[in-house]
Amino acid sequence: MSPRIVVGYTATKRGRDAVAFGARLAAATGSVLDVVVVLPATGRSVITPPDASYDRHLHDLAQQWLADAIGRVPDAVTARPHVHAADSFAQGLIEFAHDRGADYLVVGAGGGGLRGRHRLGPTSTELLHSSDVPVVLVPRGARKLAADTAVTRLTVAVSPRPGDETLMSDAAALASATGAPIRLLSLLPIDLPRPTGDAARPPARPTEADEVLAATNTSLPPGMAAEVVVADGDSIEAAVAALDWQPGELLLAGSGRLAQPRRLFLGSTVAKMLHEVPVPVVVVPRAHHQEGDGA
């Protein structure tokens, strides 16, 4: 079954980035693309009474923005425009995703970021601390890639701690839908507590990392193998920057240890990775509350 993809759209470059990636993901999975503009809910302010003519003007503008967005989607992809009213953009996206039974909620980067890099804005930050739908963060400039760029590989950031079952299940489902191979990534040798004072970092534990990767690999469906890689570097950021990243690649990562059941919470490791990852990042909610910090 094809995944259901919702794109949160704004009439900005980052909005066009989100639509461009959403269209590529829809093409790769044979999915329909739902593009939604969230407008302020009627009666949103007790200080300023709602103005019907202004609300109609906003709705007309939203329809124009959506027409422009849909016009940028390749003909091979079916895209549907929507306007949804809510108290906040993030809340509206989550509500709409629930209404559509969405599997992925796609948003662009915040303003001011560098091309090919992530920057969290207010909406993406709110989503990453409240959504129960996987959120896809699209780096700035994604619209510059060719529309027919395929999903070429899925890199999954795995953790030695409990709670990756949903992440691996989502990765396997997306690999089946796109035909993309899986690369399992461990940051275990780097993601170790630093000693106090001037003592050097304790030696890496590649054997333990390899064991984690091997165990995670066995959780994939029969016949679905994965490449495994152990990142190396003086920091999470340096290790991620040293990895090879394909233009059509996606990174999947789980929520941090503070996530509530079936909710997202951006963990510290993923937050560090976002500084250097040049590809879209899918952050997957935890199915159950677990101890330990997710990737």
C-alpha atoms as a PDB file:
ATOM      1  CA  MET A   1       0.000   0.000   0.000  1.00  0.00           C
ATOM      2  CA  SER A   2       1.358   3.409  -0.980  1.00  0.00           C
ATOM      3  CA  PRO A   3       2.132   5.792   1.884  1.00  0.00           C
ATOM      4  CA  ARG A   4       0.002   8.904   2.313  1.00  0.00           C
ATOM      5  CA  ILE A   5       2.028  12.088   2.059  1.00  0.00           C
ATOM      6  CA  VAL A   6       1.001  15.538   3.312  1.00  0.00           C
ATOM      7  CA  VAL A   7       3.053  18.653   2.563  1.00  0.00           C
ATOM      8  CA  GLY A   8       2.680  21.771   4.690  1.00  0.00           C
ATOM      9  CA  TYR A   9       2.946  24.600   2.173  1.00  0.00           C
ATOM     10  CA  THR A  10       3.820  28.259   2.480  1.00  0.00           C
ATOM     11  CA  ALA A  11       4.309  30.591  -0.490  1.00  0.00           C
ATOM     12  CA  THR A  12       8.068  30.764   0.092  1.00  0.00           C
ATOM     13  CA  LYS A  13      11.186  29.071  -1.226  1.00  0.00           C
ATOM     14  CA  ARG A  14      11.139  26.626   1.686  1.00  0.00           C
ATOM     15  CA  GLY A  15       7.517  25.837   0.862  1.00  0.00           C
ATOM     16  CA  ARG A  16       8.544  25.055  -2.713  1.00  0.00           C
ATOM     17  CA  ASP A  17      11.379  22.899  -1.351  1.00  0.00           C
ATOM     18  CA  ALA A  18       8.838  20.871   0.633  1.00  0.00           C
ATOM     19  CA  VAL A  19       6.534  20.424  -2.368  1.00  0.00           C
ATOM     20  CA  ALA A  20       9.433  19.460  -4.629  1.00  0.00           C
ATOM     21  CA  PHE A  21      10.608  16.742  -2.268  1.00  0.00           C
ATOM     22  CA  GLY A  22       7.058  15.613  -1.509  1.00  0.00           C
ATOM     23  CA  ALA A  23       6.475  15.187  -5.252  1.00  0.00           C
ATOM     24  CA  ARG A  24       9.647  13.115  -5.632  1.00  0.00           C
ATOM     25  CA  LEU A  25       8.654  10.914  -2.698  1.00  0.00           C
ATOM     26  CA  ALA A  26       5.141  10.519  -4.121  1.00  0.00           C
ATOM     27  CA  ALA A  27       6.577   9.567  -7.518  1.00  0.00           C
ATOM     28  CA  ALA A  28       8.925   7.033  -5.926  1.00  0.00           C
ATOM     29  CA  THR A  29       6.133   5.384  -3.931  1.00  0.00           C
ATOM     30  CA  GLY A  30       3.195   5.745  -6.322  1.00  0.00           C
ATOM     31  CA  SER A  31       1.394   7.967  -3.817  1.00  0.00           C
ATOM     32  CA  VAL A  32      -1.044  10.858  -4.077  1.00  0.00           C
ATOM     33  CA  LEU A  33       0.328  14.131  -2.730  1.00  0.00           C
ATOM     34  CA  ASP A  34      -1.828  16.301  -0.465  1.00  0.00           C
ATOM     35  CA  VAL A  35      -0.620  19.910  -0.318  1.00  0.00           C
ATOM     36  CA  VAL A  36      -2.158  21.992   2.460  1.00  0.00           C
ATOM     37  CA  VAL A  37      -2.074  25.655   3.414  1.00  0.00           C
ATOM     38  CA  VAL A  38      -3.036  26.343   7.029  1.00  0.00           C
ATOM     39  CA  LEU A  39      -4.895  29.583   7.689  1.00  0.00           C
ATOM     40  CA  PRO A  40      -5.746  31.147  11.070  1.00  0.00           C
ATOM     41  CA  ALA A  41      -8.995  29.809  12.473  1.00  0.00           C
ATOM     42  CA  THR A  42     -12.047  32.084  12.344  1.00  0.00           C
ATOM     43  CA  GLY A  43     -12.633  33.793  15.664  1.00  0.00           C
ATOM     44  CA  ARG A  44      -8.984  33.249  16.604  1.00  0.00           C
ATOM     45  CA  SER A  45      -8.697  36.509  18.536  1.00  0.00           C
ATOM     46  CA  VAL A  46     -10.866  37.797  21.361  1.00  0.00           C
ATOM     47  CA  ILE A  47      -9.275  41.232  20.946  1.00  0.00           C
ATOM     48  CA  THR A  48      -9.733  41.719  17.198  1.00  0.00           C
ATOM     49  CA  PRO A  49     -13.088  40.444  15.926  1.00  0.00           C
ATOM     50  CA  PRO A  50     -12.900  38.285  12.788  1.00  0.00           C
ATOM     51  CA  ASP A  51     -13.515  40.125   9.522  1.00  0.00           C
ATOM     52  CA  ALA A  52     -15.405  38.038   6.967  1.00  0.00           C
ATOM     53  CA  SER A  53     -14.022  39.956   3.980  1.00  0.00           C
ATOM     54  CA  TYR A  54     -10.458  39.584   5.233  1.00  0.00           C
ATOM     55  CA  ASP A  55     -10.960  35.856   5.797  1.00  0.00           C
ATOM     56  CA  ARG A  56     -12.291  35.514   2.238  1.00  0.00           C
ATOM     57  CA  HIS A  57      -9.273  37.423   0.965  1.00  0.00           C
ATOM     58  CA  LEU A  58      -6.916  35.071   2.827  1.00  0.00           C
ATOM     59  CA  HIS A  59      -8.757  32.049   1.477  1.00  0.00           C
ATOM     60  CA  ASP A  60      -8.510  33.386  -2.091  1.00  0.00           C
ATOM     61  CA  LEU A  61      -4.794  34.013  -1.605  1.00  0.00           C
ATOM     62  CA  ALA A  62      -4.348  30.484  -0.276  1.00  0.00           C
ATOM     63  CA  GLN A  63      -6.047  29.087  -3.354  1.00  0.00           C
ATOM     64  CA  GLN A  64      -3.674  31.084  -5.561  1.00  0.00           C
ATOM     65  CA  TRP A  65      -0.654  29.832  -3.603  1.00  0.00           C
ATOM     66  CA  LEU A  66      -1.882  26.270  -3.889  1.00  0.00           C
ATOM     67  CA  ALA A  67      -2.465  26.606  -7.623  1.00  0.00           C
ATOM     68  CA  ASP A  68       1.140  27.742  -8.001  1.00  0.00           C
ATOM     69  CA  ALA A  69       2.382  24.854  -5.832  1.00  0.00           C
ATOM     70  CA  ILE A  70       0.360  22.222  -7.692  1.00  0.00           C
ATOM     71  CA  GLY A  71       1.564  23.674 -10.982  1.00  0.00           C
ATOM     72  CA  ARG A  72       5.140  22.829  -9.990  1.00  0.00           C
ATOM     73  CA  VAL A  73       4.340  19.152  -9.409  1.00  0.00           C
ATOM     74  CA  PRO A  74       5.195  16.849 -12.338  1.00  0.00           C
ATOM     75  CA  ASP A  75       2.205  15.616 -14.336  1.00  0.00           C
ATOM     76  CA  ALA A  76       2.990  12.029 -13.380  1.00  0.00           C
ATOM     77  CA  VAL A  77       2.141  12.787  -9.727  1.00  0.00           C
ATOM     78  CA  THR A  78      -1.433  13.370  -8.586  1.00  0.00           C
ATOM     79  CA  ALA A  79      -1.472  16.367  -6.229  1.00  0.00           C
ATOM     80  CA  ARG A  80      -4.507  17.697  -4.372  1.00  0.00           C
ATOM     81  CA  PRO A  81      -4.773  21.217  -2.883  1.00  0.00           C
ATOM     82  CA  HIS A  82      -6.310  21.867   0.529  1.00  0.00           C
ATOM     83  CA  VAL A  83      -6.957  24.779   2.880  1.00  0.00           C
ATOM     84  CA  HIS A  84      -7.249  24.030   6.584  1.00  0.00           C
ATOM     85  CA  ALA A  85      -7.982  26.446   9.444  1.00  0.00           C
ATOM     86  CA  ALA A  86      -6.323  26.067  12.837  1.00  0.00           C
ATOM     87  CA  ASP A  87      -4.933  28.072  15.745  1.00  0.00           C
ATOM     88  CA  SER A  88      -1.350  27.410  14.596  1.00  0.00           C
ATOM     89  CA  PHE A  89       0.350  26.150  11.463  1.00  0.00           C
ATOM     90  CA  ALA A  90       1.801  23.107  13.233  1.00  0.00           C
ATOM     91  CA  GLN A  91      -1.494  22.233  14.920  1.00  0.00           C
ATOM     92  CA  GLY A  92      -3.287  22.541  11.589  1.00  0.00           C
ATOM     93  CA  LEU A  93      -0.817  20.230   9.875  1.00  0.00           C
ATOM     94  CA  ILE A  94      -1.201  17.575  12.579  1.00  0.00           C
ATOM     95  CA  GLU A  95      -5.003  17.836  12.423  1.00  0.00           C
ATOM     96  CA  PHE A  96      -4.987  17.554   8.645  1.00  0.00           C
ATOM     97  CA  ALA A  97      -2.539  14.639   8.760  1.00  0.00           C
ATOM     98  CA  HIS A  98      -4.940  12.841  11.111  1.00  0.00           C
ATOM     99  CA  ASP A  99      -7.877  13.553   8.804  1.00  0.00           C
ATOM    100  CA  ARG A 100      -6.003  12.072   5.853  1.00  0.00           C
ATOM    101  CA  GLY A 101      -4.430   9.191   7.779  1.00  0.00           C
ATOM    102  CA  ALA A 102      -1.041  10.499   6.657  1.00  0.00           C
ATOM    103  CA  ASP A 103       2.119   8.431   6.923  1.00  0.00           C
ATOM    104  CA  TYR A 104       4.468  11.385   6.403  1.00  0.00           C
ATOM    105  CA  LEU A 105       4.216  15.105   7.107  1.00  0.00           C
ATOM    106  CA  VAL A 106       6.676  17.101   4.964  1.00  0.00           C
ATOM    107  CA  VAL A 107       7.893  20.607   5.852  1.00  0.00           C
ATOM    108  CA  GLY A 108      10.634  22.887   4.556  1.00  0.00           C
ATOM    109  CA  ALA A 109      13.542  24.393   6.445  1.00  0.00           C
ATOM    110  CA  GLY A 110      13.310  27.510   8.568  1.00  0.00           C
ATOM    111  CA  GLY A 111      14.403  30.828   7.150  1.00  0.00           C
ATOM    112  CA  GLY A 112      18.033  31.891   6.939  1.00  0.00           C
ATOM    113  CA  GLY A 113      19.665  28.486   6.477  1.00  0.00           C
ATOM    114  CA  LEU A 114      22.373  27.605   3.987  1.00  0.00           C
ATOM    115  CA  ARG A 115      21.537  25.756   0.797  1.00  0.00           C
ATOM    116  CA  GLY A 116      21.633  22.010   1.339  1.00  0.00           C
ATOM    117  CA  ARG A 117      21.345  22.364   5.116  1.00  0.00           C
ATOM    118  CA  HIS A 118      18.614  22.156   7.730  1.00  0.00           C
ATOM    119  CA  ARG A 119      17.397  24.991   9.893  1.00  0.00           C
ATOM    120  CA  LEU A 120      14.517  24.538  12.291  1.00  0.00           C
ATOM    121  CA  GLY A 121      11.832  27.200  12.277  1.00  0.00           C
ATOM    122  CA  PRO A 122       8.927  27.650  14.727  1.00  0.00           C
ATOM    123  CA  THR A 123       6.663  25.223  12.852  1.00  0.00           C
ATOM    124  CA  SER A 124       9.190  22.416  12.461  1.00  0.00           C
ATOM    125  CA  THR A 125      10.296  22.846  16.077  1.00  0.00           C
ATOM    126  CA  GLU A 126       6.705  22.544  17.296  1.00  0.00           C
ATOM    127  CA  LEU A 127       6.119  19.501  15.088  1.00  0.00           C
ATOM    128  CA  LEU A 128       9.274  17.824  16.368  1.00  0.00           C
ATOM    129  CA  HIS A 129       7.998  18.106  19.917  1.00  0.00           C
ATOM    130  CA  SER A 130       4.366  17.149  19.432  1.00  0.00           C
ATOM    131  CA  SER A 131       3.581  15.254  16.220  1.00  0.00           C
ATOM    132  CA  ASP A 132       2.470  11.634  16.274  1.00  0.00           C
ATOM    133  CA  VAL A 133       3.049  11.400  12.506  1.00  0.00           C
ATOM    134  CA  PRO A 134       6.581  10.990  11.105  1.00  0.00           C
ATOM    135  CA  VAL A 135       7.903  14.421  10.128  1.00  0.00           C
ATOM    136  CA  VAL A 136      10.098  14.861   7.052  1.00  0.00           C
ATOM    137  CA  LEU A 137      12.477  17.821   7.315  1.00  0.00           C
ATOM    138  CA  VAL A 138      13.533  19.062   3.885  1.00  0.00           C
ATOM    139  CA  PRO A 139      16.814  20.982   3.571  1.00  0.00           C
ATOM    140  CA  ARG A 140      16.977  24.328   1.857  1.00  0.00           C
ATOM    141  CA  GLY A 141      17.405  24.143  -1.914  1.00  0.00           C
ATOM    142  CA  ALA A 142      15.711  20.761  -2.392  1.00  0.00           C
ATOM    143  CA  ARG A 143      13.663  22.289  -5.207  1.00  0.00           C
ATOM    144  CA  LYS A 144      16.878  22.629  -7.236  1.00  0.00           C
ATOM    145  CA  LEU A 145      17.189  18.854  -7.682  1.00  0.00           C
ATOM    146  CA  ALA A 146      15.790  17.360 -10.860  1.00  0.00           C
ATOM    147  CA  ALA A 147      12.130  16.403 -10.503  1.00  0.00           C
ATOM    148  CA  ASP A 148      12.921  12.834 -11.529  1.00  0.00           C
ATOM    149  CA  THR A 149      15.559  12.339  -8.801  1.00  0.00           C
ATOM    150  CA  ALA A 150      14.767   8.936  -7.318  1.00  0.00           C
ATOM    151  CA  VAL A 151      14.998   7.811  -3.706  1.00  0.00           C
ATOM    152  CA  THR A 152      18.366   6.092  -4.009  1.00  0.00           C
ATOM    153  CA  ARG A 153      19.116   5.012  -0.429  1.00  0.00           C
ATOM    154  CA  LEU A 154      17.682   5.051   3.084  1.00  0.00           C
ATOM    155  CA  THR A 155      20.184   5.616   5.879  1.00  0.00           C
ATOM    156  CA  VAL A 156      18.795   4.597   9.267  1.00  0.00           C
ATOM    157  CA  ALA A 157      20.474   5.998  12.387  1.00  0.00           C
ATOM    158  CA  VAL A 158      20.224   3.121  14.846  1.00  0.00           C
ATOM    159  CA  SER A 159      20.676   3.251  18.605  1.00  0.00           C
ATOM    160  CA  PRO A 160      21.922   0.627  21.085  1.00  0.00           C
ATOM    161  CA  ARG A 161      19.042   1.535  23.372  1.00  0.00           C
ATOM    162  CA  PRO A 162      15.518   0.069  23.245  1.00  0.00           C
ATOM    163  CA  GLY A 163      12.844   1.700  21.111  1.00  0.00           C
ATOM    164  CA  ASP A 164      14.016   1.316  17.492  1.00  0.00           C
ATOM    165  CA  GLU A 165      11.362  -1.250  16.510  1.00  0.00           C
ATOM    166  CA  THR A 166       9.036   1.335  14.965  1.00  0.00           C
ATOM    167  CA  LEU A 167      11.957   3.041  13.223  1.00  0.00           C
ATOM    168  CA  MET A 168      13.059  -0.221  11.582  1.00  0.00           C
ATOM    169  CA  SER A 169       9.493  -1.091  10.642  1.00  0.00           C
ATOM    170  CA  ASP A 170       9.046   2.297   8.956  1.00  0.00           C
ATOM    171  CA  ALA A 171      12.397   1.958   7.195  1.00  0.00           C
ATOM    172  CA  ALA A 172      11.488  -1.475   5.863  1.00  0.00           C
ATOM    173  CA  ALA A 173       8.094  -0.234   4.635  1.00  0.00           C
ATOM    174  CA  LEU A 174       9.654   2.766   2.883  1.00  0.00           C
ATOM    175  CA  ALA A 175      12.359   0.572   1.338  1.00  0.00           C
ATOM    176  CA  SER A 176       9.688  -1.760  -0.015  1.00  0.00           C
ATOM    177  CA  ALA A 177       7.683   1.171  -1.423  1.00  0.00           C
ATOM    178  CA  THR A 178      10.643   2.893  -3.095  1.00  0.00           C
ATOM    179  CA  GLY A 179      12.924  -0.027  -3.900  1.00  0.00           C
ATOM    180  CA  ALA A 180      15.781   1.850  -2.220  1.00  0.00           C
ATOM    181  CA  PRO A 181      18.465  -0.051  -0.294  1.00  0.00           C
ATOM    182  CA  ILE A 182      18.981   0.461   3.435  1.00  0.00           C
ATOM    183  CA  ARG A 183      22.180   1.621   5.111  1.00  0.00           C
ATOM    184  CA  LEU A 184      22.321   1.146   8.877  1.00  0.00           C
ATOM    185  CA  LEU A 185      24.366   3.817  10.637  1.00  0.00           C
ATOM    186  CA  SER A 186      25.744   3.585  14.156  1.00  0.00           C
ATOM    187  CA  LEU A 187      27.180   6.581  15.963  1.00  0.00           C
ATOM    188  CA  LEU A 188      27.945   4.521  19.066  1.00  0.00           C
ATOM    189  CA  PRO A 189      31.738   5.047  19.081  1.00  0.00           C
ATOM    190  CA  ILE A 190      31.156   8.812  19.151  1.00  0.00           C
ATOM    191  CA  ASP A 191      27.986   9.077  21.202  1.00  0.00           C
ATOM    192  CA  LEU A 192      29.752   8.292  24.479  1.00  0.00           C
ATOM    193  CA  PRO A 193      29.868  10.428  27.619  1.00  0.00           C
ATOM    194  CA  ARG A 194      32.935  12.613  27.802  1.00  0.00           C
ATOM    195  CA  PRO A 195      35.042  12.300  30.951  1.00  0.00           C
ATOM    196  CA  THR A 196      35.449  15.346  33.139  1.00  0.00           C
ATOM    197  CA  GLY A 197      38.626  17.395  33.201  1.00  0.00           C
ATOM    198  CA  ASP A 198      41.312  17.036  30.539  1.00  0.00           C
ATOM    199  CA  ALA A 199      41.088  13.275  30.170  1.00  0.00           C
ATOM    200  CA  ALA A 200      40.856  11.985  26.639  1.00  0.00           C
ATOM    201  CA  ARG A 201      37.700  10.438  25.269  1.00  0.00           C
ATOM    202  CA  PRO A 202      37.532   6.729  26.129  1.00  0.00           C
ATOM    203  CA  PRO A 203      38.430   4.425  23.256  1.00  0.00           C
ATOM    204  CA  ALA A 204      35.701   3.640  20.737  1.00  0.00           C
ATOM    205  CA  ARG A 205      33.887   0.343  20.907  1.00  0.00           C
ATOM    206  CA  PRO A 206      33.597  -0.843  17.306  1.00  0.00           C
ATOM    207  CA  THR A 207      32.802  -4.405  18.336  1.00  0.00           C
ATOM    208  CA  GLU A 208      29.790  -3.288  20.337  1.00  0.00           C
ATOM    209  CA  ALA A 209      28.678  -1.010  17.505  1.00  0.00           C
ATOM    210  CA  ASP A 210      28.971  -3.876  15.039  1.00  0.00           C
ATOM    211  CA  GLU A 211      26.864  -6.038  17.331  1.00  0.00           C
ATOM    212  CA  VAL A 212      24.171  -3.368  17.488  1.00  0.00           C
ATOM    213  CA  LEU A 213      24.118  -3.087  13.713  1.00  0.00           C
ATOM    214  CA  ALA A 214      24.036  -6.853  13.235  1.00  0.00           C
ATOM    215  CA  ALA A 215      21.134  -7.200  15.668  1.00  0.00           C
ATOM    216  CA  THR A 216      19.237  -4.382  13.963  1.00  0.00           C
ATOM    217  CA  ASN A 217      19.882  -5.911  10.543  1.00  0.00           C
ATOM    218  CA  THR A 218      18.202  -9.124  11.653  1.00  0.00           C
ATOM    219  CA  SER A 219      15.029  -7.167  12.486  1.00  0.00           C
ATOM    220  CA  LEU A 220      14.460  -6.442   8.785  1.00  0.00           C
ATOM    221  CA  PRO A 221      12.010  -8.625   6.835  1.00  0.00           C
ATOM    222  CA  PRO A 222      13.371 -11.835   5.271  1.00  0.00           C
ATOM    223  CA  GLY A 223      15.250 -11.125   2.077  1.00  0.00           C
ATOM    224  CA  MET A 224      15.843  -7.456   2.917  1.00  0.00           C
ATOM    225  CA  ALA A 225      19.527  -6.975   3.693  1.00  0.00           C
ATOM    226  CA  ALA A 226      21.257  -3.739   4.616  1.00  0.00           C
ATOM    227  CA  GLU A 227      24.687  -2.214   4.355  1.00  0.00           C
ATOM    228  CA  VAL A 228      26.130  -1.352   7.760  1.00  0.00           C
ATOM    229  CA  VAL A 229      28.464   1.495   8.608  1.00  0.00           C
ATOM    230  CA  VAL A 230      29.987   2.740  11.860  1.00  0.00           C
ATOM    231  CA  ALA A 231      30.581   6.501  11.798  1.00  0.00           C
ATOM    232  CA  ASP A 232      33.949   7.821  12.901  1.00  0.00           C
ATOM    233  CA  GLY A 233      34.916  11.307  14.021  1.00  0.00           C
ATOM    234  CA  ASP A 234      35.683  13.586  16.949  1.00  0.00           C
ATOM    235  CA  SER A 235      32.031  14.619  17.167  1.00  0.00           C
ATOM    236  CA  ILE A 236      28.600  13.680  15.852  1.00  0.00           C
ATOM    237  CA  GLU A 237      28.754  16.576  13.415  1.00  0.00           C
ATOM    238  CA  ALA A 238      32.208  15.627  12.099  1.00  0.00           C
ATOM    239  CA  ALA A 239      31.242  11.981  11.691  1.00  0.00           C
ATOM    240  CA  VAL A 240      28.070  12.813   9.784  1.00  0.00           C
ATOM    241  CA  ALA A 241      29.886  15.299   7.541  1.00  0.00           C
ATOM    242  CA  ALA A 242      32.501  12.641   6.667  1.00  0.00           C
ATOM    243  CA  LEU A 243      29.897  10.164   5.396  1.00  0.00           C
ATOM    244  CA  ASP A 244      28.962  10.001   1.734  1.00  0.00           C
ATOM    245  CA  TRP A 245      25.445  11.266   1.014  1.00  0.00           C
ATOM    246  CA  GLN A 246      23.649  10.713  -2.277  1.00  0.00           C
ATOM    247  CA  PRO A 247      21.378  13.420  -3.756  1.00  0.00           C
ATOM    248  CA  GLY A 248      18.393  11.051  -3.619  1.00  0.00           C
ATOM    249  CA  GLU A 249      19.060   9.789  -0.101  1.00  0.00           C
ATOM    250  CA  LEU A 250      16.899  10.029   3.030  1.00  0.00           C
ATOM    251  CA  LEU A 251      17.971   9.758   6.662  1.00  0.00           C
ATOM    252  CA  LEU A 252      15.569   8.108   9.117  1.00  0.00           C
ATOM    253  CA  ALA A 253      15.987   8.634  12.847  1.00  0.00           C
ATOM    254  CA  GLY A 254      13.970   7.916  15.970  1.00  0.00           C
ATOM    255  CA  SER A 255      12.750  10.250  18.677  1.00  0.00           C
ATOM    256  CA  GLY A 256      14.719  11.034  21.829  1.00  0.00           C
ATOM    257  CA  ARG A 257      14.189   9.478  25.246  1.00  0.00           C
ATOM    258  CA  LEU A 258      11.920  12.318  26.426  1.00  0.00           C
ATOM    259  CA  ALA A 259       9.297  11.528  23.785  1.00  0.00           C
ATOM    260  CA  GLN A 260       5.860  10.680  25.107  1.00  0.00           C
ATOM    261  CA  PRO A 261       4.168   7.518  23.787  1.00  0.00           C
ATOM    262  CA  ARG A 262       3.433   7.896  20.071  1.00  0.00           C
ATOM    263  CA  ARG A 263       4.867  11.398  20.006  1.00  0.00           C
ATOM    264  CA  LEU A 264       7.974  12.975  18.571  1.00  0.00           C
ATOM    265  CA  PHE A 265      10.705  14.593  20.590  1.00  0.00           C
ATOM    266  CA  LEU A 266      13.911  15.718  18.915  1.00  0.00           C
ATOM    267  CA  GLY A 267      16.801  13.953  20.645  1.00  0.00           C
ATOM    268  CA  SER A 268      20.213  15.550  21.143  1.00  0.00           C
ATOM    269  CA  THR A 269      21.980  13.264  18.669  1.00  0.00           C
ATOM    270  CA  VAL A 270      19.554  13.954  15.824  1.00  0.00           C
ATOM    271  CA  ALA A 271      19.694  17.682  16.621  1.00  0.00           C
ATOM    272  CA  LYS A 272      23.474  17.553  16.151  1.00  0.00           C
ATOM    273  CA  MET A 273      23.165  15.527  12.944  1.00  0.00           C
ATOM    274  CA  LEU A 274      20.846  18.132  11.440  1.00  0.00           C
ATOM    275  CA  HIS A 275      23.727  20.616  11.385  1.00  0.00           C
ATOM    276  CA  GLU A 276      25.539  18.551   8.745  1.00  0.00           C
ATOM    277  CA  VAL A 277      23.066  16.238   7.009  1.00  0.00           C
ATOM    278  CA  PRO A 278      22.480  17.507   3.436  1.00  0.00           C
ATOM    279  CA  VAL A 279      19.471  15.253   2.704  1.00  0.00           C
ATOM    280  CA  PRO A 280      15.843  15.093   3.927  1.00  0.00           C
ATOM    281  CA  VAL A 281      15.486  13.684   7.441  1.00  0.00           C
ATOM    282  CA  VAL A 282      12.515  11.579   8.555  1.00  0.00           C
ATOM    283  CA  VAL A 283      11.983  11.710  12.334  1.00  0.00           C
ATOM    284  CA  VAL A 284       9.833   8.798  13.525  1.00  0.00           C
ATOM    285  CA  PRO A 285       7.742   8.909  16.740  1.00  0.00           C
ATOM    286  CA  ARG A 286       8.291   6.339  19.437  1.00  0.00           C
ATOM    287  CA  ALA A 287       5.593   3.669  19.552  1.00  0.00           C
ATOM    288  CA  HIS A 288       6.001   3.229  23.315  1.00  0.00           C
ATOM    289  CA  HIS A 289       7.693   5.224  26.030  1.00  0.00           C
ATOM    290  CA  GLN A 290      11.168   3.773  26.639  1.00  0.00           C
ATOM    291  CA  GLU A 291      14.115   4.599  28.795  1.00  0.00           C
ATOM    292  CA  GLY A 292      17.281   5.835  27.145  1.00  0.00           C
ATOM    293  CA  ASP A 293      17.978   8.569  24.597  1.00  0.00           C
ATOM    294  CA  GLY A 294      16.966   7.761  21.043  1.00  0.00           C
ATOM    295  CA  ALA A 295      19.252   8.517  18.119  1.00  0.00           C
END
